[in-house]
PDB file of N, CA and C in Angstrom:
ATOM      1  N   SER A   1      -5.291   2.373   8.501  1.00  0.00           N
ATOM      2  CA  SER A   1      -4.462   1.288   8.098  1.00  0.00           C
ATOM      3  C   SER A   1      -5.050  -0.143   9.234  1.00  0.00           C
ATOM      4  N   TYR A   2      -4.606  -1.365   9.036  1.00  0.00           N
ATOM      5  CA  TYR A   2      -5.048  -2.513   9.794  1.00  0.00           C
ATOM      6  C   TYR A   2      -3.966  -2.709  10.487  1.00  0.00           C
ATOM      7  N   GLN A   3      -2.519  -1.990  10.520  1.00  0.00           N
ATOM      8  CA  GLN A   3      -1.578  -2.299  11.390  1.00  0.00           C
ATOM      9  C   GLN A   3      -1.407  -1.450  12.198  1.00  0.00           C
ATOM     10  N   PRO A   4      -1.621  -1.443  13.290  1.00  0.00           N
ATOM     11  CA  PRO A   4      -1.776  -0.856  14.604  1.00  0.00           C
ATOM     12  C   PRO A   4      -0.498   0.456  14.713  1.00  0.00           C
ATOM     13  N   SER A   5       0.587  -0.303  14.314  1.00  0.00           N
ATOM     14  CA  SER A   5       2.041   0.462  14.573  1.00  0.00           C
ATOM     15  C   SER A   5       1.949   1.497  13.091  1.00  0.00           C
ATOM     16  N   SER A   6       1.316   1.613  12.274  1.00  0.00           N
ATOM     17  CA  SER A   6       1.136   2.808  11.410  1.00  0.00           C
ATOM     18  C   SER A   6       0.376   3.850  11.330  1.00  0.00           C
ATOM     19  N   SER A   7      -0.738   3.678  12.435  1.00  0.00           N
ATOM     20  CA  SER A   7      -1.700   4.758  12.202  1.00  0.00           C
ATOM     21  C   SER A   7      -1.292   5.932  13.010  1.00  0.00           C
ATOM     22  N   HIS A   8       0.020   5.978  13.913  1.00  0.00           N
ATOM     23  CA  HIS A   8       0.925   7.247  14.414  1.00  0.00           C
ATOM     24  C   HIS A   8       1.315   7.904  13.436  1.00  0.00           C
ATOM     25  N   PHE A   9       1.733   7.332  11.786  1.00  0.00           N
ATOM     26  CA  PHE A   9       2.127   8.180  10.712  1.00  0.00           C
ATOM     27  C   PHE A   9       1.084   9.319  10.505  1.00  0.00           C
ATOM     28  N   TYR A  10       1.550  10.257  10.822  1.00  0.00           N
ATOM     29  CA  TYR A  10       0.445  11.723  10.077  1.00  0.00           C
ATOM     30  C   TYR A  10       1.332  12.857   9.970  1.00  0.00           C
ATOM     31  N   PRO A  11       0.594  13.966   9.169  1.00  0.00           N
ATOM     32  CA  PRO A  11       1.575  15.047   8.972  1.00  0.00           C
ATOM     33  C   PRO A  11       1.849  15.655  10.565  1.00  0.00           C
ATOM     34  N   THR A  12       2.705  16.203  10.539  1.00  0.00           N
ATOM     35  CA  THR A  12       3.378  17.170  12.150  1.00  0.00           C
ATOM     36  C   THR A  12       3.132  18.723  12.040  1.00  0.00           C
ATOM     37  N   ASN A  13       2.930  18.827  10.615  1.00  0.00           N
ATOM     38  CA  ASN A  13       2.739  20.674  10.223  1.00  0.00           C
ATOM     39  C   ASN A  13       1.340  21.081  10.269  1.00  0.00           C
ATOM     40  N   LEU A  14       0.305  20.158  10.746  1.00  0.00           N
ATOM     41  CA  LEU A  14      -0.939  20.679  10.881  1.00  0.00           C
ATOM     42  C   LEU A  14      -1.392  21.787  11.868  1.00  0.00           C
ATOM     43  N   THR A  15      -2.265  22.483  11.972  1.00  0.00           N
ATOM     44  CA  THR A  15      -2.671  23.515  12.760  1.00  0.00           C
ATOM     45  C   THR A  15      -3.438  23.035  14.068  1.00  0.00           C
ATOM     46  N   LYS A  16      -3.799  21.957  13.814  1.00  0.00           N
ATOM     47  CA  LYS A  16      -4.791  21.078  14.975  1.00  0.00           C
ATOM     48  C   LYS A  16      -4.242  19.696  14.634  1.00  0.00           C
ATOM     49  N   SER A  17      -4.321  19.319  15.627  1.00  0.00           N
ATOM     50  CA  SER A  17      -4.086  17.620  15.599  1.00  0.00           C
ATOM     51  C   SER A  17      -5.232  17.139  15.617  1.00  0.00           C
ATOM     52  N   PRO A  18      -4.938  16.305  14.355  1.00  0.00           N
ATOM     53  CA  PRO A  18      -6.360  15.729  14.111  1.00  0.00           C
ATOM     54  C   PRO A  18      -6.638  14.032  15.044  1.00  0.00           C
ATOM     55  N   THR A  19      -7.820  13.575  14.986  1.00  0.00           N
ATOM     56  CA  THR A  19      -7.860  12.605  15.898  1.00  0.00           C
ATOM     57  C   THR A  19      -7.479  11.289  14.658  1.00  0.00           C
ATOM     58  N   ILE A  20      -6.787  10.611  15.330  1.00  0.00           N
ATOM     59  CA  ILE A  20      -6.121   9.160  14.320  1.00  0.00           C
ATOM     60  C   ILE A  20      -7.010   7.868  14.838  1.00  0.00           C
ATOM     61  N   LEU A  21      -7.811   7.612  13.701  1.00  0.00           N
ATOM     62  CA  LEU A  21      -8.271   6.197  13.888  1.00  0.00           C
ATOM     63  C   LEU A  21      -7.825   5.376  13.013  1.00  0.00           C
ATOM     64  N   SER A  22      -7.646   4.112  13.228  1.00  0.00           N
ATOM     65  CA  SER A  22      -7.121   2.811  12.230  1.00  0.00           C
ATOM     66  C   SER A  22      -8.626   2.313  12.011  1.00  0.00           C
ATOM     67  N   LEU A  23      -8.414   1.653  10.435  1.00  0.00           N
ATOM     68  CA  LEU A  23      -9.294   0.991  10.260  1.00  0.00           C
ATOM     69  C   LEU A  23     -10.472   0.123  11.047  1.00  0.00           C
ATOM     70  N   ASN A  24      -9.508  -0.770  11.813  1.00  0.00           N
ATOM     71  CA  ASN A  24     -10.477  -1.565  13.248  1.00  0.00           C
ATOM     72  C   ASN A  24     -11.168  -0.234  13.996  1.00  0.00           C
ATOM     73  N   ASP A  25     -10.952   0.714  14.253  1.00  0.00           N
ATOM     74  CA  ASP A  25     -11.402   1.661  15.072  1.00  0.00           C
ATOM     75  C   ASP A  25     -12.710   1.912  14.521  1.00  0.00           C
ATOM     76  N   ILE A  26     -12.719   2.276  12.823  1.00  0.00           N
ATOM     77  CA  ILE A  26     -13.941   2.525  12.386  1.00  0.00           C
ATOM     78  C   ILE A  26     -14.853   1.455  11.787  1.00  0.00           C
ATOM     79  N   ASP A  27     -14.386  -0.034  12.395  1.00  0.00           N
ATOM     80  CA  ASP A  27     -15.318  -1.174  12.308  1.00  0.00           C
ATOM     81  C   ASP A  27     -15.021  -1.670  10.561  1.00  0.00           C
ATOM     82  N   CYS A  28     -13.971  -1.284  10.115  1.00  0.00           N
ATOM     83  CA  CYS A  28     -13.757  -1.320   8.522  1.00  0.00           C
ATOM     84  C   CYS A  28     -12.782  -2.671   8.184  1.00  0.00           C
ATOM     85  N   HIS A  29     -13.090  -3.744   7.843  1.00  0.00           N
ATOM     86  CA  HIS A  29     -12.676  -4.691   7.748  1.00  0.00           C
ATOM     87  C   HIS A  29     -12.812  -5.232   6.265  1.00  0.00           C
ATOM     88  N   ASP A  30     -13.166  -4.371   5.275  1.00  0.00           N
ATOM     89  CA  ASP A  30     -13.295  -4.994   3.925  1.00  0.00           C
ATOM     90  C   ASP A  30     -11.947  -4.799   3.269  1.00  0.00           C
ATOM     91  N   ASP A  31     -12.003  -5.993   2.550  1.00  0.00           N
ATOM     92  CA  ASP A  31     -10.674  -5.478   1.483  1.00  0.00           C
ATOM     93  C   ASP A  31     -10.347  -4.484   0.423  1.00  0.00           C
ATOM     94  N   ILE A  32     -10.105  -3.646   1.072  1.00  0.00           N
ATOM     95  CA  ILE A  32     -10.128  -2.204   0.329  1.00  0.00           C
ATOM     96  C   ILE A  32      -9.436  -2.334  -1.306  1.00  0.00           C
ATOM     97  N   PRO A  33     -10.335  -1.811  -2.163  1.00  0.00           N
ATOM     98  CA  PRO A  33      -9.678  -2.281  -3.687  1.00  0.00           C
ATOM     99  C   PRO A  33      -8.469  -1.449  -3.964  1.00  0.00           C
ATOM    100  N   GLU A  34      -7.540  -1.868  -4.443  1.00  0.00           N
ATOM    101  CA  GLU A  34      -6.074  -1.149  -5.231  1.00  0.00           C
ATOM    102  C   GLU A  34      -5.966  -1.720  -6.253  1.00  0.00           C
ATOM    103  N   THR A  35      -6.469  -1.248  -7.275  1.00  0.00           N
ATOM    104  CA  THR A  35      -6.764  -1.496  -8.683  1.00  0.00           C
ATOM    105  C   THR A  35      -5.900  -0.452  -9.758  1.00  0.00           C
ATOM    106  N   CYS A  36      -5.678   0.724  -9.161  1.00  0.00           N
ATOM    107  CA  CYS A  36      -5.028   1.591 -10.027  1.00  0.00           C
ATOM    108  C   CYS A  36      -3.672   1.124 -10.248  1.00  0.00           C
ATOM    109  N   PRO A  37      -2.972   1.823 -11.500  1.00  0.00           N
ATOM    110  CA  PRO A  37      -1.672   1.718 -12.151  1.00  0.00           C
ATOM    111  C   PRO A  37      -0.771   2.256 -11.368  1.00  0.00           C
ATOM    112  N   THR A  38      -0.520   3.025 -10.434  1.00  0.00           N
ATOM    113  CA  THR A  38       0.201   3.668  -9.808  1.00  0.00           C
ATOM    114  C   THR A  38      -0.120   3.794  -7.974  1.00  0.00           C
ATOM    115  N   ILE A  39       0.952   4.044  -7.211  1.00  0.00           N
ATOM    116  CA  ILE A  39       0.788   4.093  -5.995  1.00  0.00           C
ATOM    117  C   ILE A  39       0.082   5.239  -5.762  1.00  0.00           C
ATOM    118  N   GLU A  40      -0.057   5.968  -6.254  1.00  0.00           N
ATOM    119  CA  GLU A  40      -0.757   7.638  -5.775  1.00  0.00           C
ATOM    120  C   GLU A  40      -2.394   6.927  -6.119  1.00  0.00           C
ATOM    121  N   GLY A  41      -2.401   6.724  -7.243  1.00  0.00           N
ATOM    122  CA  GLY A  41      -4.054   6.226  -7.699  1.00  0.00           C
ATOM    123  C   GLY A  41      -4.541   5.042  -6.706  1.00  0.00           C
ATOM    124  N   ASN A  42      -3.364   4.401  -6.151  1.00  0.00           N
ATOM    125  CA  ASN A  42      -4.124   3.511  -5.273  1.00  0.00           C
ATOM    126  C   ASN A  42      -4.104   4.273  -3.871  1.00  0.00           C
ATOM    127  N   ALA A  43      -3.561   5.210  -3.445  1.00  0.00           N
ATOM    128  CA  ALA A  43      -3.665   5.390  -2.148  1.00  0.00           C
ATOM    129  C   ALA A  43      -4.787   6.568  -1.976  1.00  0.00           C
ATOM    130  N   GLU A  44      -5.161   7.195  -3.322  1.00  0.00           N
ATOM    131  CA  GLU A  44      -6.372   8.049  -3.563  1.00  0.00           C
ATOM    132  C   GLU A  44      -7.456   7.197  -3.303  1.00  0.00           C
ATOM    133  N   GLN A  45      -7.485   5.912  -4.092  1.00  0.00           N
ATOM    134  CA  GLN A  45      -8.956   4.988  -4.117  1.00  0.00           C
ATOM    135  C   GLN A  45      -9.063   4.518  -2.898  1.00  0.00           C
ATOM    136  N   LYS A  46      -8.037   4.266  -2.038  1.00  0.00           N
ATOM    137  CA  LYS A  46      -8.097   3.811  -0.966  1.00  0.00           C
ATOM    138  C   LYS A  46      -9.272   4.976  -0.027  1.00  0.00           C
ATOM    139  N   ALA A  47      -8.413   6.325  -0.141  1.00  0.00           N
ATOM    140  CA  ALA A  47      -9.144   7.370   0.978  1.00  0.00           C
ATOM    141  C   ALA A  47     -10.512   7.620   0.523  1.00  0.00           C
ATOM    142  N   ARG A  48     -11.050   7.470  -0.771  1.00  0.00           N
ATOM    143  CA  ARG A  48     -12.224   7.595  -1.460  1.00  0.00           C
ATOM    144  C   ARG A  48     -13.086   6.452  -0.944  1.00  0.00           C
ATOM    145  N   PHE A  49     -12.570   5.084  -0.861  1.00  0.00           N
ATOM    146  CA  PHE A  49     -13.046   4.119  -0.556  1.00  0.00           C
ATOM    147  C   PHE A  49     -14.038   3.871   1.111  1.00  0.00           C
ATOM    148  N   ILE A  50     -12.959   4.860   1.860  1.00  0.00           N
ATOM    149  CA  ILE A  50     -13.229   5.026   3.186  1.00  0.00           C
ATOM    150  C   ILE A  50     -14.285   6.303   3.079  1.00  0.00           C
ATOM    151  N   LYS A  51     -14.300   7.323   2.665  1.00  0.00           N
ATOM    152  CA  LYS A  51     -14.825   8.499   2.850  1.00  0.00           C
ATOM    153  C   LYS A  51     -16.377   7.826   2.269  1.00  0.00           C
ATOM    154  N   ASP A  52     -16.351   7.202   0.965  1.00  0.00           N
ATOM    155  CA  ASP A  52     -17.771   6.980   0.254  1.00  0.00           C
ATOM    156  C   ASP A  52     -18.287   5.969   1.172  1.00  0.00           C
ATOM    157  N   ASN A  53     -17.621   5.113   1.636  1.00  0.00           N
ATOM    158  CA  ASN A  53     -18.455   3.734   2.413  1.00  0.00           C
ATOM    159  C   ASN A  53     -18.547   4.020   4.045  1.00  0.00           C
ATOM    160  N   TYR A  54     -17.845   4.722   4.740  1.00  0.00           N
ATOM    161  CA  TYR A  54     -17.561   5.066   6.392  1.00  0.00           C
ATOM    162  C   TYR A  54     -17.727   6.638   6.641  1.00  0.00           C
ATOM    163  N   GLY A  55     -17.953   7.408   5.371  1.00  0.00           N
ATOM    164  CA  GLY A  55     -18.045   8.944   5.622  1.00  0.00           C
ATOM    165  C   GLY A  55     -16.926   9.455   6.546  1.00  0.00           C
ATOM    166  N   TYR A  56     -15.597   9.006   6.661  1.00  0.00           N
ATOM    167  CA  TYR A  56     -14.695   9.830   6.994  1.00  0.00           C
ATOM    168  C   TYR A  56     -13.588  10.428   6.091  1.00  0.00           C
ATOM    169  N   ASP A  57     -13.195  11.578   6.448  1.00  0.00           N
ATOM    170  CA  ASP A  57     -12.313  12.330   5.640  1.00  0.00           C
ATOM    171  C   ASP A  57     -10.705  11.566   6.125  1.00  0.00           C
ATOM    172  N   CYS A  58     -10.109  11.340   5.503  1.00  0.00           N
ATOM    173  CA  CYS A  58      -8.853  10.728   5.659  1.00  0.00           C
ATOM    174  C   CYS A  58      -7.886  11.266   4.402  1.00  0.00           C
ATOM    175  N   PHE A  59      -6.599  10.696   5.093  1.00  0.00           N
ATOM    176  CA  PHE A  59      -5.223  10.314   4.099  1.00  0.00           C
ATOM    177  C   PHE A  59      -5.085   9.091   4.050  1.00  0.00           C
ATOM    178  N   SER A  60      -4.283   8.598   2.918  1.00  0.00           N
ATOM    179  CA  SER A  60      -3.945   7.238   3.030  1.00  0.00           C
ATOM    180  C   SER A  60      -2.520   7.286   2.074  1.00  0.00           C
ATOM    181  N   ASP A  61      -2.072   6.245   1.857  1.00  0.00           N
ATOM    182  CA  ASP A  61      -0.715   5.971   1.291  1.00  0.00           C
ATOM    183  C   ASP A  61      -0.835   4.717   0.400  1.00  0.00           C
ATOM    184  N   ASP A  62       0.466   4.347  -0.326  1.00  0.00           N
ATOM    185  CA  ASP A  62       0.333   2.883  -0.311  1.00  0.00           C
ATOM    186  C   ASP A  62       1.660   2.863  -0.801  1.00  0.00           C
ATOM    187  N   THR A  63       2.460   1.524  -0.814  1.00  0.00           N
ATOM    188  CA  THR A  63       3.642   1.142  -0.844  1.00  0.00           C
ATOM    189  C   THR A  63       3.775   0.168  -1.845  1.00  0.00           C
ATOM    190  N   CYS A  64       5.020  -0.101  -2.581  1.00  0.00           N
ATOM    191  CA  CYS A  64       5.590  -1.083  -3.296  1.00  0.00           C
ATOM    192  C   CYS A  64       7.250  -1.451  -3.390  1.00  0.00           C
ATOM    193  N   LEU A  65       7.339  -2.477  -3.958  1.00  0.00           N
ATOM    194  CA  LEU A  65       8.660  -3.284  -4.120  1.00  0.00           C
ATOM    195  C   LEU A  65       8.973  -2.963  -5.232  1.00  0.00           C
ATOM    196  N   GLU A  66       9.992  -2.151  -5.882  1.00  0.00           N
ATOM    197  CA  GLU A  66      10.611  -2.063  -7.079  1.00  0.00           C
ATOM    198  C   GLU A  66      11.844  -2.861  -7.198  1.00  0.00           C
ATOM    199  N   ILE A  67      12.221  -3.599  -7.869  1.00  0.00           N
ATOM    200  CA  ILE A  67      13.305  -4.439  -8.171  1.00  0.00           C
ATOM    201  C   ILE A  67      13.805  -4.243  -9.673  1.00  0.00           C
ATOM    202  N   ASP A  68      14.780  -3.196  -9.579  1.00  0.00           N
ATOM    203  CA  ASP A  68      15.570  -2.926 -10.892  1.00  0.00           C
ATOM    204  C   ASP A  68      15.802  -4.111 -11.820  1.00  0.00           C
ATOM    205  N   ALA A  69      16.435  -5.096 -11.326  1.00  0.00           N
ATOM    206  CA  ALA A  69      16.781  -6.230 -12.200  1.00  0.00           C
ATOM    207  C   ALA A  69      15.489  -6.932 -12.710  1.00  0.00           C
ATOM    208  N   LEU A  70      14.136  -6.761 -12.099  1.00  0.00           N
ATOM    209  CA  LEU A  70      13.087  -7.291 -12.631  1.00  0.00           C
ATOM    210  C   LEU A  70      12.465  -6.337 -13.354  1.00  0.00           C
ATOM    211  N   GLY A  71      12.961  -5.099 -13.829  1.00  0.00           N
ATOM    212  CA  GLY A  71      12.307  -4.061 -14.902  1.00  0.00           C
ATOM    213  C   GLY A  71      11.170  -3.763 -13.525  1.00  0.00           C
ATOM    214  N   GLY A  72      11.663  -3.503 -12.338  1.00  0.00           N
ATOM    215  CA  GLY A  72      10.453  -2.496 -11.612  1.00  0.00           C
ATOM    216  C   GLY A  72       9.736  -3.450 -10.991  1.00  0.00           C
ATOM    217  N   GLU A  73       9.529  -4.493 -11.471  1.00  0.00           N
ATOM    218  CA  GLU A  73       8.491  -5.590 -10.686  1.00  0.00           C
ATOM    219  C   GLU A  73       8.807  -5.925  -9.522  1.00  0.00           C
ATOM    220  N   PRO A  74       8.032  -6.131  -8.652  1.00  0.00           N
ATOM    221  CA  PRO A  74       6.698  -5.966  -8.779  1.00  0.00           C
ATOM    222  C   PRO A  74       5.663  -5.051  -8.835  1.00  0.00           C
ATOM    223  N   GLY A  75       6.714  -3.500  -8.311  1.00  0.00           N
ATOM    224  CA  GLY A  75       6.035  -2.342  -8.612  1.00  0.00           C
ATOM    225  C   GLY A  75       4.542  -2.421  -7.623  1.00  0.00           C
ATOM    226  N   VAL A  76       3.513  -1.647  -8.308  1.00  0.00           N
ATOM    227  CA  VAL A  76       2.408  -1.222  -7.973  1.00  0.00           C
ATOM    228  C   VAL A  76       1.470  -2.286  -7.719  1.00  0.00           C
ATOM    229  N   TYR A  77       2.185  -3.585  -8.344  1.00  0.00           N
ATOM    230  CA  TYR A  77       1.330  -4.898  -8.151  1.00  0.00           C
ATOM    231  C   TYR A  77       2.011  -5.610  -7.148  1.00  0.00           C
ATOM    232  N   SER A  78       2.694  -5.123  -5.820  1.00  0.00           N
ATOM    233  CA  SER A  78       3.416  -6.002  -4.939  1.00  0.00           C
ATOM    234  C   SER A  78       2.492  -6.852  -4.440  1.00  0.00           C
ATOM    235  N   ALA A  79       1.324  -6.026  -3.846  1.00  0.00           N
ATOM    236  CA  ALA A  79       0.374  -6.904  -2.945  1.00  0.00           C
ATOM    237  C   ALA A  79      -0.193  -8.279  -3.681  1.00  0.00           C
ATOM    238  N   ARG A  80      -0.348  -8.064  -5.030  1.00  0.00           N
ATOM    239  CA  ARG A  80      -1.479  -8.663  -5.672  1.00  0.00           C
ATOM    240  C   ARG A  80      -0.336 -10.093  -6.410  1.00  0.00           C
ATOM    241  N   TYR A  81       1.138  -9.271  -6.203  1.00  0.00           N
ATOM    242  CA  TYR A  81       1.982 -10.114  -7.315  1.00  0.00           C
ATOM    243  C   TYR A  81       1.975 -11.664  -7.006  1.00  0.00           C
ATOM    244  N   ALA A  82       2.190 -11.910  -5.700  1.00  0.00           N
ATOM    245  CA  ALA A  82       2.079 -13.469  -5.423  1.00  0.00           C
ATOM    246  C   ALA A  82       1.550 -13.584  -4.285  1.00  0.00           C
ATOM    247  N   GLY A  83       0.598 -12.856  -3.470  1.00  0.00           N
ATOM    248  CA  GLY A  83       0.018 -13.166  -2.146  1.00  0.00           C
ATOM    249  C   GLY A  83       1.228 -13.308  -1.461  1.00  0.00           C
ATOM    250  N   ALA A  84       0.892 -14.062  -0.489  1.00  0.00           N
ATOM    251  CA  ALA A  84       1.855 -14.025   0.778  1.00  0.00           C
ATOM    252  C   ALA A  84       3.558 -14.593   0.438  1.00  0.00           C
ATOM    253  N   THR A  85       3.294 -15.020  -0.712  1.00  0.00           N
ATOM    254  CA  THR A  85       4.885 -15.701  -1.332  1.00  0.00           C
ATOM    255  C   THR A  85       5.823 -14.826  -2.118  1.00  0.00           C
ATOM    256  N   VAL A  86       5.402 -12.964  -1.849  1.00  0.00           N
ATOM    257  CA  VAL A  86       5.831 -12.210  -2.841  1.00  0.00           C
ATOM    258  C   VAL A  86       7.389 -12.374  -2.887  1.00  0.00           C
ATOM    259  N   LEU A  87       8.035 -12.510  -1.815  1.00  0.00           N
ATOM    260  CA  LEU A  87       9.637 -12.492  -1.604  1.00  0.00           C
ATOM    261  C   LEU A  87      10.166 -13.732  -2.212  1.00  0.00           C
ATOM    262  N   ARG A  88       9.449 -14.738  -2.030  1.00  0.00           N
ATOM    263  CA  ARG A  88      10.009 -15.949  -2.703  1.00  0.00           C
ATOM    264  C   ARG A  88       9.592 -16.266  -4.469  1.00  0.00           C
ATOM    265  N   ARG A  89       8.720 -15.277  -4.937  1.00  0.00           N
ATOM    266  CA  ARG A  89       8.612 -15.189  -6.187  1.00  0.00           C
ATOM    267  C   ARG A  89       9.905 -14.163  -6.708  1.00  0.00           C
ATOM    268  N   CYS A  90      10.138 -13.250  -6.091  1.00  0.00           N
ATOM    269  CA  CYS A  90      10.831 -11.915  -6.278  1.00  0.00           C
ATOM    270  C   CYS A  90      12.634 -12.868  -6.305  1.00  0.00           C
ATOM    271  N   VAL A  91      12.657 -13.558  -5.640  1.00  0.00           N
ATOM    272  CA  VAL A  91      14.104 -14.345  -5.425  1.00  0.00           C
ATOM    273  C   VAL A  91      14.183 -15.297  -6.813  1.00  0.00           C
ATOM    274  N   GLU A  92      13.184 -15.859  -6.960  1.00  0.00           N
ATOM    275  CA  GLU A  92      12.999 -16.987  -7.878  1.00  0.00           C
ATOM    276  C   GLU A  92      13.089 -16.261  -9.606  1.00  0.00           C
ATOM    277  N   ARG A  93      12.609 -15.193  -9.521  1.00  0.00           N
ATOM    278  CA  ARG A  93      12.703 -14.095 -10.862  1.00  0.00           C
ATOM    279  C   ARG A  93      14.298 -13.660 -10.781  1.00  0.00           C
ATOM    280  N   MET A  94      14.675 -13.364  -9.628  1.00  0.00           N
ATOM    281  CA  MET A  94      16.100 -12.782  -9.496  1.00  0.00           C
ATOM    282  C   MET A  94      17.263 -13.941 -10.281  1.00  0.00           C
ATOM    283  N   GLU A  95      16.799 -15.146  -9.864  1.00  0.00           N
ATOM    284  CA  GLU A  95      17.912 -16.432  -9.708  1.00  0.00           C
ATOM    285  C   GLU A  95      17.931 -16.383 -11.584  1.00  0.00           C
ATOM    286  N   ARG A  96      16.809 -15.972 -12.095  1.00  0.00           N
ATOM    287  CA  ARG A  96      16.695 -16.285 -13.479  1.00  0.00           C
ATOM    288  C   ARG A  96      16.997 -15.105 -14.404  1.00  0.00           C
ATOM    289  N   ALA A  97      17.279 -13.767 -13.489  1.00  0.00           N
ATOM    290  CA  ALA A  97      17.526 -12.506 -14.325  1.00  0.00           C
ATOM    291  C   ALA A  97      19.291 -12.574 -14.683  1.00  0.00           C
ATOM    292  N   PRO A  98      19.365 -12.258 -15.805  1.00  0.00           N
ATOM    293  CA  PRO A  98      20.818 -12.306 -16.070  1.00  0.00           C
ATOM    294  C   PRO A  98      21.833 -11.374 -15.074  1.00  0.00           C
ATOM    295  N   GLN A  99      22.971 -12.152 -14.637  1.00  0.00           N
ATOM    296  CA  GLN A  99      23.901 -11.986 -13.777  1.00  0.00           C
ATOM    297  C   GLN A  99      24.483 -10.077 -13.897  1.00  0.00           C
ATOM    298  N   SER A 100      24.105  -9.680 -15.133  1.00  0.00           N
ATOM    299  CA  SER A 100      24.681  -8.148 -15.188  1.00  0.00           C
ATOM    300  C   SER A 100      23.566  -7.574 -14.659  1.00  0.00           C
ATOM    301  N   GLY A 101      22.411  -7.631 -14.796  1.00  0.00           N
ATOM    302  CA  GLY A 101      21.398  -6.971 -14.270  1.00  0.00           C
ATOM    303  C   GLY A 101      20.765  -6.932 -12.662  1.00  0.00           C
ATOM    304  N   ARG A 102      21.764  -7.762 -12.019  1.00  0.00           N
ATOM    305  CA  ARG A 102      21.488  -7.828 -10.490  1.00  0.00           C
ATOM    306  C   ARG A 102      21.997  -6.715  -9.595  1.00  0.00           C
TER     307      ARG A 102
END
């Protein structure tokens, strides 16, 4: 993760405590691809990218925002939905959504 606060999230049921490194710790400043159609696929894609390019075994996750009134959008495409304006775009779409679906 590039977020310092999220690098402390890891499984607690491991027999050995892992060494937790952030992307900054391994000097990764790449725009890691997230091109899969599922959050599971994107998480796997990111973990494979780190293994293939930096040699570290790792775990990864992905998150998304799903809004029922927008048919589940932006979903897996949350990060690509509208860049930094994702919330503004969602609100604009919600304003045009039928009242019954909100």
